Amino acid sequence: NLLELHLSHRIAEDFKYTPKQNTPRDI
């Protein structure tokens, strides 16, 4: 969910995330 992605981004020292075509719009 968006909160978990935000927490991941906020905490990860080297944040890497590649969205997919079916990734929700809010993300």
mmCIF file of all heavy atoms, coordinates in Angstrom:
data_MODEL
# 
_entry.id   MODEL 
# 
loop_
_atom_site.group_PDB 
_atom_site.id 
_atom_site.type_symbol 
_atom_site.label_atom_id 
_atom_site.label_alt_id 
_atom_site.label_comp_id 
_atom_site.label_asym_id 
_atom_site.label_entity_id 
_atom_site.label_seq_id 
_atom_site.pdbx_PDB_ins_code 
_atom_site.Cartn_x 
_atom_site.Cartn_y 
_atom_site.Cartn_z 
_atom_site.occupancy 
_atom_site.B_iso_or_equiv 
_atom_site.pdbx_formal_charge 
_atom_site.auth_seq_id 
_atom_site.auth_comp_id 
_atom_site.auth_asym_id 
_atom_site.auth_atom_id 
_atom_site.pdbx_PDB_model_num 
ATOM 1   N N   . ASN A 1 1  ? 0.867  -1.178 0.000   1.00 0.00 ? 1  ASN A N   1 
ATOM 2   C CA  . ASN A 1 1  ? 0.000  0.000  0.000   1.00 0.00 ? 1  ASN A CA  1 
ATOM 3   C C   . ASN A 1 1  ? 0.907  1.232  0.000   1.00 0.00 ? 1  ASN A C   1 
ATOM 4   O O   . ASN A 1 1  ? 2.132  1.131  0.117   1.00 0.00 ? 1  ASN A O   1 
ATOM 5   C CB  . ASN A 1 1  ? -0.971 -0.009 1.185   1.00 0.00 ? 1  ASN A CB  1 
ATOM 6   C CG  . ASN A 1 1  ? -0.273 -0.129 2.522   1.00 0.00 ? 1  ASN A CG  1 
ATOM 7   O OD1 . ASN A 1 1  ? 0.635  0.646  2.833   1.00 0.00 ? 1  ASN A OD1 1 
ATOM 8   N ND2 . ASN A 1 1  ? -0.676 -1.109 3.327   1.00 0.00 ? 1  ASN A ND2 1 
ATOM 9   N N   . LEU A 1 2  ? 0.303  2.386  -0.135  1.00 0.00 ? 2  LEU A N   1 
ATOM 10  C CA  . LEU A 1 2  ? 1.085  3.613  -0.258  1.00 0.00 ? 2  LEU A CA  1 
ATOM 11  C C   . LEU A 1 2  ? 1.869  3.942  1.009   1.00 0.00 ? 2  LEU A C   1 
ATOM 12  O O   . LEU A 1 2  ? 3.001  4.404  0.940   1.00 0.00 ? 2  LEU A O   1 
ATOM 13  C CB  . LEU A 1 2  ? 0.163  4.771  -0.628  1.00 0.00 ? 2  LEU A CB  1 
ATOM 14  C CG  . LEU A 1 2  ? 0.833  6.062  -1.043  1.00 0.00 ? 2  LEU A CG  1 
ATOM 15  C CD1 . LEU A 1 2  ? 1.794  5.854  -2.206  1.00 0.00 ? 2  LEU A CD1 1 
ATOM 16  C CD2 . LEU A 1 2  ? -0.197 7.095  -1.405  1.00 0.00 ? 2  LEU A CD2 1 
ATOM 17  N N   . LEU A 1 3  ? 1.296  3.676  2.156   1.00 0.00 ? 3  LEU A N   1 
ATOM 18  C CA  . LEU A 1 3  ? 2.002  3.950  3.411   1.00 0.00 ? 3  LEU A CA  1 
ATOM 19  C C   . LEU A 1 3  ? 3.269  3.108  3.512   1.00 0.00 ? 3  LEU A C   1 
ATOM 20  O O   . LEU A 1 3  ? 4.323  3.618  3.891   1.00 0.00 ? 3  LEU A O   1 
ATOM 21  C CB  . LEU A 1 3  ? 1.085  3.692  4.612   1.00 0.00 ? 3  LEU A CB  1 
ATOM 22  C CG  . LEU A 1 3  ? 1.707  3.925  5.989   1.00 0.00 ? 3  LEU A CG  1 
ATOM 23  C CD1 . LEU A 1 3  ? 2.189  5.366  6.144   1.00 0.00 ? 3  LEU A CD1 1 
ATOM 24  C CD2 . LEU A 1 3  ? 0.714  3.572  7.083   1.00 0.00 ? 3  LEU A CD2 1 
ATOM 25  N N   . GLU A 1 4  ? 3.197  1.829  3.159   1.00 0.00 ? 4  GLU A N   1 
ATOM 26  C CA  . GLU A 1 4  ? 4.383  0.971  3.226   1.00 0.00 ? 4  GLU A CA  1 
ATOM 27  C C   . GLU A 1 4  ? 5.447  1.416  2.229   1.00 0.00 ? 4  GLU A C   1 
ATOM 28  O O   . GLU A 1 4  ? 6.636  1.379  2.543   1.00 0.00 ? 4  GLU A O   1 
ATOM 29  C CB  . GLU A 1 4  ? 4.007  -0.494 3.015   1.00 0.00 ? 4  GLU A CB  1 
ATOM 30  C CG  . GLU A 1 4  ? 3.305  -1.064 4.216   1.00 0.00 ? 4  GLU A CG  1 
ATOM 31  C CD  . GLU A 1 4  ? 3.144  -2.577 4.178   1.00 0.00 ? 4  GLU A CD  1 
ATOM 32  O OE1 . GLU A 1 4  ? 3.705  -3.238 3.278   1.00 0.00 ? 4  GLU A OE1 1 
ATOM 33  O OE2 . GLU A 1 4  ? 2.458  -3.093 5.073   1.00 0.00 ? 4  GLU A OE2 1 
ATOM 34  N N   . LEU A 1 5  ? 5.036  1.861  1.050   1.00 0.00 ? 5  LEU A N   1 
ATOM 35  C CA  . LEU A 1 5  ? 6.018  2.362  0.089   1.00 0.00 ? 5  LEU A CA  1 
ATOM 36  C C   . LEU A 1 5  ? 6.680  3.635  0.626   1.00 0.00 ? 5  LEU A C   1 
ATOM 37  O O   . LEU A 1 5  ? 7.890  3.807  0.525   1.00 0.00 ? 5  LEU A O   1 
ATOM 38  C CB  . LEU A 1 5  ? 5.373  2.626  -1.269  1.00 0.00 ? 5  LEU A CB  1 
ATOM 39  C CG  . LEU A 1 5  ? 6.347  3.058  -2.348  1.00 0.00 ? 5  LEU A CG  1 
ATOM 40  C CD1 . LEU A 1 5  ? 7.267  1.894  -2.736  1.00 0.00 ? 5  LEU A CD1 1 
ATOM 41  C CD2 . LEU A 1 5  ? 5.617  3.573  -3.565  1.00 0.00 ? 5  LEU A CD2 1 
ATOM 42  N N   . HIS A 1 6  ? 5.887  4.496  1.228   1.00 0.00 ? 6  HIS A N   1 
ATOM 43  C CA  . HIS A 1 6  ? 6.430  5.733  1.804   1.00 0.00 ? 6  HIS A CA  1 
ATOM 44  C C   . HIS A 1 6  ? 7.421  5.418  2.932   1.00 0.00 ? 6  HIS A C   1 
ATOM 45  O O   . HIS A 1 6  ? 8.496  6.014  3.000   1.00 0.00 ? 6  HIS A O   1 
ATOM 46  C CB  . HIS A 1 6  ? 5.302  6.621  2.326   1.00 0.00 ? 6  HIS A CB  1 
ATOM 47  C CG  . HIS A 1 6  ? 5.777  7.845  3.024   1.00 0.00 ? 6  HIS A CG  1 
ATOM 48  N ND1 . HIS A 1 6  ? 6.390  8.894  2.371   1.00 0.00 ? 6  HIS A ND1 1 
ATOM 49  C CD2 . HIS A 1 6  ? 5.765  8.180  4.337   1.00 0.00 ? 6  HIS A CD2 1 
ATOM 50  C CE1 . HIS A 1 6  ? 6.727  9.827  3.246   1.00 0.00 ? 6  HIS A CE1 1 
ATOM 51  N NE2 . HIS A 1 6  ? 6.357  9.419  4.450   1.00 0.00 ? 6  HIS A NE2 1 
ATOM 52  N N   . LEU A 1 7  ? 7.049  4.490  3.806   1.00 0.00 ? 7  LEU A N   1 
ATOM 53  C CA  . LEU A 1 7  ? 7.965  4.090  4.883   1.00 0.00 ? 7  LEU A CA  1 
ATOM 54  C C   . LEU A 1 7  ? 9.251  3.503  4.298   1.00 0.00 ? 7  LEU A C   1 
ATOM 55  O O   . LEU A 1 7  ? 10.341 3.802  4.782   1.00 0.00 ? 7  LEU A O   1 
ATOM 56  C CB  . LEU A 1 7  ? 7.295  3.077  5.807   1.00 0.00 ? 7  LEU A CB  1 
ATOM 57  C CG  . LEU A 1 7  ? 6.204  3.616  6.723   1.00 0.00 ? 7  LEU A CG  1 
ATOM 58  C CD1 . LEU A 1 7  ? 5.465  2.476  7.403   1.00 0.00 ? 7  LEU A CD1 1 
ATOM 59  C CD2 . LEU A 1 7  ? 6.790  4.571  7.751   1.00 0.00 ? 7  LEU A CD2 1 
ATOM 60  N N   . SER A 1 8  ? 9.119  2.698  3.270   1.00 0.00 ? 8  SER A N   1 
ATOM 61  C CA  . SER A 1 8  ? 10.296 2.118  2.609   1.00 0.00 ? 8  SER A CA  1 
ATOM 62  C C   . SER A 1 8  ? 11.195 3.218  2.069   1.00 0.00 ? 8  SER A C   1 
ATOM 63  O O   . SER A 1 8  ? 12.415 3.200  2.261   1.00 0.00 ? 8  SER A O   1 
ATOM 64  C CB  . SER A 1 8  ? 9.869  1.204  1.457   1.00 0.00 ? 8  SER A CB  1 
ATOM 65  O OG  . SER A 1 8  ? 9.064  0.159  1.889   1.00 0.00 ? 8  SER A OG  1 
ATOM 66  N N   . HIS A 1 9  ? 10.583 4.195  1.402   1.00 0.00 ? 9  HIS A N   1 
ATOM 67  C CA  . HIS A 1 9  ? 11.347 5.299  0.816   1.00 0.00 ? 9  HIS A CA  1 
ATOM 68  C C   . HIS A 1 9  ? 12.000 6.150  1.897   1.00 0.00 ? 9  HIS A C   1 
ATOM 69  O O   . HIS A 1 9  ? 13.155 6.554  1.784   1.00 0.00 ? 9  HIS A O   1 
ATOM 70  C CB  . HIS A 1 9  ? 10.417 6.155  -0.052  1.00 0.00 ? 9  HIS A CB  1 
ATOM 71  C CG  . HIS A 1 9  ? 11.036 7.421  -0.520  1.00 0.00 ? 9  HIS A CG  1 
ATOM 72  N ND1 . HIS A 1 9  ? 10.441 8.630  -0.322  1.00 0.00 ? 9  HIS A ND1 1 
ATOM 73  C CD2 . HIS A 1 9  ? 12.197 7.677  -1.166  1.00 0.00 ? 9  HIS A CD2 1 
ATOM 74  C CE1 . HIS A 1 9  ? 11.211 9.582  -0.825  1.00 0.00 ? 9  HIS A CE1 1 
ATOM 75  N NE2 . HIS A 1 9  ? 12.282 9.031  -1.339  1.00 0.00 ? 9  HIS A NE2 1 
ATOM 76  N N   . ARG A 1 10 ? 11.263 6.388  2.947   1.00 0.00 ? 10 ARG A N   1 
ATOM 77  C CA  . ARG A 1 10 ? 11.771 7.262  4.009   1.00 0.00 ? 10 ARG A CA  1 
ATOM 78  C C   . ARG A 1 10 ? 12.945 6.637  4.763   1.00 0.00 ? 10 ARG A C   1 
ATOM 79  O O   . ARG A 1 10 ? 13.841 7.340  5.206   1.00 0.00 ? 10 ARG A O   1 
ATOM 80  C CB  . ARG A 1 10 ? 10.634 7.566  4.979   1.00 0.00 ? 10 ARG A CB  1 
ATOM 81  C CG  . ARG A 1 10 ? 11.051 8.421  6.132   1.00 0.00 ? 10 ARG A CG  1 
ATOM 82  C CD  . ARG A 1 10 ? 10.121 9.523  6.447   1.00 0.00 ? 10 ARG A CD  1 
ATOM 83  N NE  . ARG A 1 10 ? 10.718 10.293 7.519   1.00 0.00 ? 10 ARG A NE  1 
ATOM 84  C CZ  . ARG A 1 10 ? 10.165 10.473 8.695   1.00 0.00 ? 10 ARG A CZ  1 
ATOM 85  N NH1 . ARG A 1 10 ? 8.980  9.998  8.948   1.00 0.00 ? 10 ARG A NH1 1 
ATOM 86  N NH2 . ARG A 1 10 ? 10.783 11.166 9.616   1.00 0.00 ? 10 ARG A NH2 1 
ATOM 87  N N   . ILE A 1 11 ? 12.962 5.317  4.874   1.00 0.00 ? 11 ILE A N   1 
ATOM 88  C CA  . ILE A 1 11 ? 13.951 4.658  5.718   1.00 0.00 ? 11 ILE A CA  1 
ATOM 89  C C   . ILE A 1 11 ? 15.128 4.093  4.926   1.00 0.00 ? 11 ILE A C   1 
ATOM 90  O O   . ILE A 1 11 ? 16.255 4.103  5.403   1.00 0.00 ? 11 ILE A O   1 
ATOM 91  C CB  . ILE A 1 11 ? 13.275 3.554  6.556   1.00 0.00 ? 11 ILE A CB  1 
ATOM 92  C CG1 . ILE A 1 11 ? 12.340 4.233  7.555   1.00 0.00 ? 11 ILE A CG1 1 
ATOM 93  C CG2 . ILE A 1 11 ? 14.284 2.687  7.257   1.00 0.00 ? 11 ILE A CG2 1 
ATOM 94  C CD1 . ILE A 1 11 ? 11.402 3.322  8.241   1.00 0.00 ? 11 ILE A CD1 1 
ATOM 95  N N   . ALA A 1 12 ? 14.870 3.616  3.726   1.00 0.00 ? 12 ALA A N   1 
ATOM 96  C CA  . ALA A 1 12 ? 15.929 2.965  2.946   1.00 0.00 ? 12 ALA A CA  1 
ATOM 97  C C   . ALA A 1 12 ? 17.065 3.935  2.644   1.00 0.00 ? 12 ALA A C   1 
ATOM 98  O O   . ALA A 1 12 ? 16.843 5.070  2.241   1.00 0.00 ? 12 ALA A O   1 
ATOM 99  C CB  . ALA A 1 12 ? 15.363 2.409  1.649   1.00 0.00 ? 12 ALA A CB  1 
ATOM 100 N N   . GLU A 1 13 ? 18.276 3.474  2.863   1.00 0.00 ? 13 GLU A N   1 
ATOM 101 C CA  . GLU A 1 13 ? 19.444 4.301  2.563   1.00 0.00 ? 13 GLU A CA  1 
ATOM 102 C C   . GLU A 1 13 ? 19.636 4.437  1.059   1.00 0.00 ? 13 GLU A C   1 
ATOM 103 O O   . GLU A 1 13 ? 20.065 5.466  0.567   1.00 0.00 ? 13 GLU A O   1 
ATOM 104 C CB  . GLU A 1 13 ? 20.682 3.683  3.212   1.00 0.00 ? 13 GLU A CB  1 
ATOM 105 C CG  . GLU A 1 13 ? 20.628 3.725  4.722   1.00 0.00 ? 13 GLU A CG  1 
ATOM 106 C CD  . GLU A 1 13 ? 21.783 2.980  5.359   1.00 0.00 ? 13 GLU A CD  1 
ATOM 107 O OE1 . GLU A 1 13 ? 22.730 2.589  4.653   1.00 0.00 ? 13 GLU A OE1 1 
ATOM 108 O OE2 . GLU A 1 13 ? 21.723 2.779  6.582   1.00 0.00 ? 13 GLU A OE2 1 
ATOM 109 N N   . ASP A 1 14 ? 19.334 3.369  0.338   1.00 0.00 ? 14 ASP A N   1 
ATOM 110 C CA  . ASP A 1 14 ? 19.473 3.370  -1.114  1.00 0.00 ? 14 ASP A CA  1 
ATOM 111 C C   . ASP A 1 14 ? 18.156 2.874  -1.706  1.00 0.00 ? 14 ASP A C   1 
ATOM 112 O O   . ASP A 1 14 ? 18.053 1.736  -2.142  1.00 0.00 ? 14 ASP A O   1 
ATOM 113 C CB  . ASP A 1 14 ? 20.646 2.464  -1.523  1.00 0.00 ? 14 ASP A CB  1 
ATOM 114 C CG  . ASP A 1 14 ? 20.949 2.545  -3.009  1.00 0.00 ? 14 ASP A CG  1 
ATOM 115 O OD1 . ASP A 1 14 ? 20.629 3.582  -3.611  1.00 0.00 ? 14 ASP A OD1 1 
ATOM 116 O OD2 . ASP A 1 14 ? 21.474 1.556  -3.552  1.00 0.00 ? 14 ASP A OD2 1 
ATOM 117 N N   . PHE A 1 15 ? 17.139 3.747  -1.711  1.00 0.00 ? 15 PHE A N   1 
ATOM 118 C CA  . PHE A 1 15 ? 15.808 3.362  -2.140  1.00 0.00 ? 15 PHE A CA  1 
ATOM 119 C C   . PHE A 1 15 ? 15.768 3.130  -3.644  1.00 0.00 ? 15 PHE A C   1 
ATOM 120 O O   . PHE A 1 15 ? 16.146 3.992  -4.427  1.00 0.00 ? 15 PHE A O   1 
ATOM 121 C CB  . PHE A 1 15 ? 14.791 4.442  -1.765  1.00 0.00 ? 15 PHE A CB  1 
ATOM 122 C CG  . PHE A 1 15 ? 13.385 4.122  -2.178  1.00 0.00 ? 15 PHE A CG  1 
ATOM 123 C CD1 . PHE A 1 15 ? 12.628 3.227  -1.448  1.00 0.00 ? 15 PHE A CD1 1 
ATOM 124 C CD2 . PHE A 1 15 ? 12.818 4.721  -3.293  1.00 0.00 ? 15 PHE A CD2 1 
ATOM 125 C CE1 . PHE A 1 15 ? 11.326 2.928  -1.806  1.00 0.00 ? 15 PHE A CE1 1 
ATOM 126 C CE2 . PHE A 1 15 ? 11.516 4.433  -3.663  1.00 0.00 ? 15 PHE A CE2 1 
ATOM 127 C CZ  . PHE A 1 15 ? 10.772 3.533  -2.922  1.00 0.00 ? 15 PHE A CZ  1 
ATOM 128 N N   . LYS A 1 16 ? 15.316 1.951  -4.018  1.00 0.00 ? 16 LYS A N   1 
ATOM 129 C CA  . LYS A 1 16 ? 15.142 1.618  -5.426  1.00 0.00 ? 16 LYS A CA  1 
ATOM 130 C C   . LYS A 1 16 ? 13.796 0.921  -5.565  1.00 0.00 ? 16 LYS A C   1 
ATOM 131 O O   . LYS A 1 16 ? 13.517 -0.057 -4.887  1.00 0.00 ? 16 LYS A O   1 
ATOM 132 C CB  . LYS A 1 16 ? 16.251 0.689  -5.904  1.00 0.00 ? 16 LYS A CB  1 
ATOM 133 C CG  . LYS A 1 16 ? 17.602 1.360  -6.037  1.00 0.00 ? 16 LYS A CG  1 
ATOM 134 C CD  . LYS A 1 16 ? 18.590 0.403  -6.681  1.00 0.00 ? 16 LYS A CD  1 
ATOM 135 C CE  . LYS A 1 16 ? 19.967 0.866  -6.867  1.00 0.00 ? 16 LYS A CE  1 
ATOM 136 N NZ  . LYS A 1 16 ? 20.488 2.068  -6.596  1.00 0.00 ? 16 LYS A NZ  1 
ATOM 137 N N   . TYR A 1 17 ? 12.984 1.463  -6.468  1.00 0.00 ? 17 TYR A N   1 
ATOM 138 C CA  . TYR A 1 17 ? 11.683 0.870  -6.731  1.00 0.00 ? 17 TYR A CA  1 
ATOM 139 C C   . TYR A 1 17 ? 11.347 1.106  -8.199  1.00 0.00 ? 17 TYR A C   1 
ATOM 140 O O   . TYR A 1 17 ? 11.435 2.227  -8.693  1.00 0.00 ? 17 TYR A O   1 
ATOM 141 C CB  . TYR A 1 17 ? 10.599 1.501  -5.847  1.00 0.00 ? 17 TYR A CB  1 
ATOM 142 C CG  . TYR A 1 17 ? 9.218  0.972  -6.143  1.00 0.00 ? 17 TYR A CG  1 
ATOM 143 C CD1 . TYR A 1 17 ? 8.830  -0.279 -5.679  1.00 0.00 ? 17 TYR A CD1 1 
ATOM 144 C CD2 . TYR A 1 17 ? 8.317  1.701  -6.903  1.00 0.00 ? 17 TYR A CD2 1 
ATOM 145 C CE1 . TYR A 1 17 ? 7.567  -0.786 -5.948  1.00 0.00 ? 17 TYR A CE1 1 
ATOM 146 C CE2 . TYR A 1 17 ? 7.059  1.208  -7.179  1.00 0.00 ? 17 TYR A CE2 1 
ATOM 147 C CZ  . TYR A 1 17 ? 6.687  -0.039 -6.702  1.00 0.00 ? 17 TYR A CZ  1 
ATOM 148 O OH  . TYR A 1 17 ? 5.445  -0.533 -6.994  1.00 0.00 ? 17 TYR A OH  1 
ATOM 149 N N   . THR A 1 18 ? 10.991 0.041  -8.872  1.00 0.00 ? 18 THR A N   1 
ATOM 150 C CA  . THR A 1 18 ? 10.601 0.139  -10.267 1.00 0.00 ? 18 THR A CA  1 
ATOM 151 C C   . THR A 1 18 ? 9.126  -0.223 -10.385 1.00 0.00 ? 18 THR A C   1 
ATOM 152 O O   . THR A 1 18 ? 8.753  -1.377 -10.160 1.00 0.00 ? 18 THR A O   1 
ATOM 153 C CB  . THR A 1 18 ? 11.440 -0.823 -11.144 1.00 0.00 ? 18 THR A CB  1 
ATOM 154 O OG1 . THR A 1 18 ? 12.820 -0.553 -10.917 1.00 0.00 ? 18 THR A OG1 1 
ATOM 155 C CG2 . THR A 1 18 ? 11.096 -0.649 -12.610 1.00 0.00 ? 18 THR A CG2 1 
ATOM 156 N N   . PRO A 1 19 ? 8.301  0.771  -10.710 1.00 0.00 ? 19 PRO A N   1 
ATOM 157 C CA  . PRO A 1 19 ? 6.872  0.475  -10.835 1.00 0.00 ? 19 PRO A CA  1 
ATOM 158 C C   . PRO A 1 19 ? 6.597  -0.370 -12.078 1.00 0.00 ? 19 PRO A C   1 
ATOM 159 O O   . PRO A 1 19 ? 7.354  -0.342 -13.046 1.00 0.00 ? 19 PRO A O   1 
ATOM 160 C CB  . PRO A 1 19 ? 6.232  1.860  -10.962 1.00 0.00 ? 19 PRO A CB  1 
ATOM 161 C CG  . PRO A 1 19 ? 7.313  2.741  -11.464 1.00 0.00 ? 19 PRO A CG  1 
ATOM 162 C CD  . PRO A 1 19 ? 8.609  2.170  -10.965 1.00 0.00 ? 19 PRO A CD  1 
ATOM 163 N N   . LYS A 1 20 ? 5.507  -1.100 -12.010 1.00 0.00 ? 20 LYS A N   1 
ATOM 164 C CA  . LYS A 1 20 ? 5.074  -1.915 -13.135 1.00 0.00 ? 20 LYS A CA  1 
ATOM 165 C C   . LYS A 1 20 ? 3.885  -1.228 -13.799 1.00 0.00 ? 20 LYS A C   1 
ATOM 166 O O   . LYS A 1 20 ? 3.354  -0.255 -13.276 1.00 0.00 ? 20 LYS A O   1 
ATOM 167 C CB  . LYS A 1 20 ? 4.694  -3.308 -12.643 1.00 0.00 ? 20 LYS A CB  1 
ATOM 168 C CG  . LYS A 1 20 ? 5.847  -4.044 -11.969 1.00 0.00 ? 20 LYS A CG  1 
ATOM 169 C CD  . LYS A 1 20 ? 5.353  -5.328 -11.313 1.00 0.00 ? 20 LYS A CD  1 
ATOM 170 C CE  . LYS A 1 20 ? 6.470  -6.028 -10.592 1.00 0.00 ? 20 LYS A CE  1 
ATOM 171 N NZ  . LYS A 1 20 ? 6.803  -5.472 -9.304  1.00 0.00 ? 20 LYS A NZ  1 
ATOM 172 N N   . GLN A 1 21 ? 3.473  -1.747 -14.910 1.00 0.00 ? 21 GLN A N   1 
ATOM 173 C CA  . GLN A 1 21 ? 2.353  -1.139 -15.615 1.00 0.00 ? 21 GLN A CA  1 
ATOM 174 C C   . GLN A 1 21 ? 1.065  -1.194 -14.797 1.00 0.00 ? 21 GLN A C   1 
ATOM 175 O O   . GLN A 1 21 ? 0.242  -0.298 -14.873 1.00 0.00 ? 21 GLN A O   1 
ATOM 176 C CB  . GLN A 1 21 ? 2.144  -1.819 -16.960 1.00 0.00 ? 21 GLN A CB  1 
ATOM 177 C CG  . GLN A 1 21 ? 1.255  -1.027 -17.877 1.00 0.00 ? 21 GLN A CG  1 
ATOM 178 C CD  . GLN A 1 21 ? 1.440  -1.418 -19.316 1.00 0.00 ? 21 GLN A CD  1 
ATOM 179 O OE1 . GLN A 1 21 ? 2.272  -2.245 -19.641 1.00 0.00 ? 21 GLN A OE1 1 
ATOM 180 N NE2 . GLN A 1 21 ? 0.658  -0.811 -20.185 1.00 0.00 ? 21 GLN A NE2 1 
ATOM 181 N N   . ASN A 1 22 ? 0.904  -2.220 -13.973 1.00 0.00 ? 22 ASN A N   1 
ATOM 182 C CA  . ASN A 1 22 ? -0.306 -2.342 -13.166 1.00 0.00 ? 22 ASN A CA  1 
ATOM 183 C C   . ASN A 1 22 ? -0.169 -1.722 -11.773 1.00 0.00 ? 22 ASN A C   1 
ATOM 184 O O   . ASN A 1 22 ? -1.016 -1.922 -10.919 1.00 0.00 ? 22 ASN A O   1 
ATOM 185 C CB  . ASN A 1 22 ? -0.730 -3.807 -13.050 1.00 0.00 ? 22 ASN A CB  1 
ATOM 186 C CG  . ASN A 1 22 ? 0.299  -4.658 -12.327 1.00 0.00 ? 22 ASN A CG  1 
ATOM 187 O OD1 . ASN A 1 22 ? 1.446  -4.262 -12.161 1.00 0.00 ? 22 ASN A OD1 1 
ATOM 188 N ND2 . ASN A 1 22 ? -0.108 -5.846 -11.925 1.00 0.00 ? 22 ASN A ND2 1 
ATOM 189 N N   . THR A 1 23 ? 0.882  -0.968 -11.535 1.00 0.00 ? 23 THR A N   1 
ATOM 190 C CA  . THR A 1 23 ? 1.073  -0.270 -10.258 1.00 0.00 ? 23 THR A CA  1 
ATOM 191 C C   . THR A 1 23 ? -0.047 0.763  -10.093 1.00 0.00 ? 23 THR A C   1 
ATOM 192 O O   . THR A 1 23 ? -0.349 1.495  -11.036 1.00 0.00 ? 23 THR A O   1 
ATOM 193 C CB  . THR A 1 23 ? 2.458  0.422  -10.228 1.00 0.00 ? 23 THR A CB  1 
ATOM 194 O OG1 . THR A 1 23 ? 3.462  -0.573 -10.358 1.00 0.00 ? 23 THR A OG1 1 
ATOM 195 C CG2 . THR A 1 23 ? 2.666  1.203  -8.954  1.00 0.00 ? 23 THR A CG2 1 
ATOM 196 N N   . PRO A 1 24 ? -0.656 0.833  -8.911  1.00 0.00 ? 24 PRO A N   1 
ATOM 197 C CA  . PRO A 1 24 ? -1.759 1.786  -8.692  1.00 0.00 ? 24 PRO A CA  1 
ATOM 198 C C   . PRO A 1 24 ? -1.362 3.233  -8.966  1.00 0.00 ? 24 PRO A C   1 
ATOM 199 O O   . PRO A 1 24 ? -0.202 3.635  -8.779  1.00 0.00 ? 24 PRO A O   1 
ATOM 200 C CB  . PRO A 1 24 ? -2.111 1.587  -7.213  1.00 0.00 ? 24 PRO A CB  1 
ATOM 201 C CG  . PRO A 1 24 ? -1.648 0.213  -6.889  1.00 0.00 ? 24 PRO A CG  1 
ATOM 202 C CD  . PRO A 1 24 ? -0.429 -0.013 -7.733  1.00 0.00 ? 24 PRO A CD  1 
ATOM 203 N N   . ARG A 1 25 ? -2.341 4.007  -9.392  1.00 0.00 ? 25 ARG A N   1 
ATOM 204 C CA  . ARG A 1 25 ? -2.109 5.412  -9.752  1.00 0.00 ? 25 ARG A CA  1 
ATOM 205 C C   . ARG A 1 25 ? -1.505 6.234  -8.616  1.00 0.00 ? 25 ARG A C   1 
ATOM 206 O O   . ARG A 1 25 ? -0.667 7.097  -8.835  1.00 0.00 ? 25 ARG A O   1 
ATOM 207 C CB  . ARG A 1 25 ? -3.419 6.072  -10.157 1.00 0.00 ? 25 ARG A CB  1 
ATOM 208 C CG  . ARG A 1 25 ? -3.870 5.759  -11.528 1.00 0.00 ? 25 ARG A CG  1 
ATOM 209 C CD  . ARG A 1 25 ? -5.106 6.543  -11.799 1.00 0.00 ? 25 ARG A CD  1 
ATOM 210 N NE  . ARG A 1 25 ? -4.851 7.355  -12.972 1.00 0.00 ? 25 ARG A NE  1 
ATOM 211 C CZ  . ARG A 1 25 ? -5.804 7.866  -13.704 1.00 0.00 ? 25 ARG A CZ  1 
ATOM 212 N NH1 . ARG A 1 25 ? -7.043 7.686  -13.369 1.00 0.00 ? 25 ARG A NH1 1 
ATOM 213 N NH2 . ARG A 1 25 ? -5.500 8.581  -14.763 1.00 0.00 ? 25 ARG A NH2 1 
ATOM 214 N N   . ASP A 1 26 ? -1.991 5.997  -7.384  1.00 0.00 ? 26 ASP A N   1 
ATOM 215 C CA  . ASP A 1 26 ? -1.482 6.774  -6.256  1.00 0.00 ? 26 ASP A CA  1 
ATOM 216 C C   . ASP A 1 26 ? 0.014  6.537  -6.039  1.00 0.00 ? 26 ASP A C   1 
ATOM 217 O O   . ASP A 1 26 ? 0.738  7.448  -5.640  1.00 0.00 ? 26 ASP A O   1 
ATOM 218 C CB  . ASP A 1 26 ? -2.257 6.459  -4.975  1.00 0.00 ? 26 ASP A CB  1 
ATOM 219 C CG  . ASP A 1 26 ? -3.621 7.120  -4.951  1.00 0.00 ? 26 ASP A CG  1 
ATOM 220 O OD1 . ASP A 1 26 ? -3.853 8.049  -5.741  1.00 0.00 ? 26 ASP A OD1 1 
ATOM 221 O OD2 . ASP A 1 26 ? -4.453 6.702  -4.125  1.00 0.00 ? 26 ASP A OD2 1 
ATOM 222 N N   . ILE A 1 27 ? 0.473  5.336  -6.304  1.00 0.00 ? 27 ILE A N   1 
ATOM 223 C CA  . ILE A 1 27 ? 1.906  5.054  -6.175  1.00 0.00 ? 27 ILE A CA  1 
ATOM 224 C C   . ILE A 1 27 ? 2.672  5.791  -7.267  1.00 0.00 ? 27 ILE A C   1 
ATOM 225 O O   . ILE A 1 27 ? 3.733  6.371  -7.002  1.00 0.00 ? 27 ILE A O   1 
ATOM 226 C CB  . ILE A 1 27 ? 2.177  3.536  -6.167  1.00 0.00 ? 27 ILE A CB  1 
ATOM 227 C CG1 . ILE A 1 27 ? 1.667  2.942  -4.844  1.00 0.00 ? 27 ILE A CG1 1 
ATOM 228 C CG2 . ILE A 1 27 ? 3.664  3.243  -6.364  1.00 0.00 ? 27 ILE A CG2 1 
ATOM 229 C CD1 . ILE A 1 27 ? 1.848  1.450  -4.685  1.00 0.00 ? 27 ILE A CD1 1 
# 
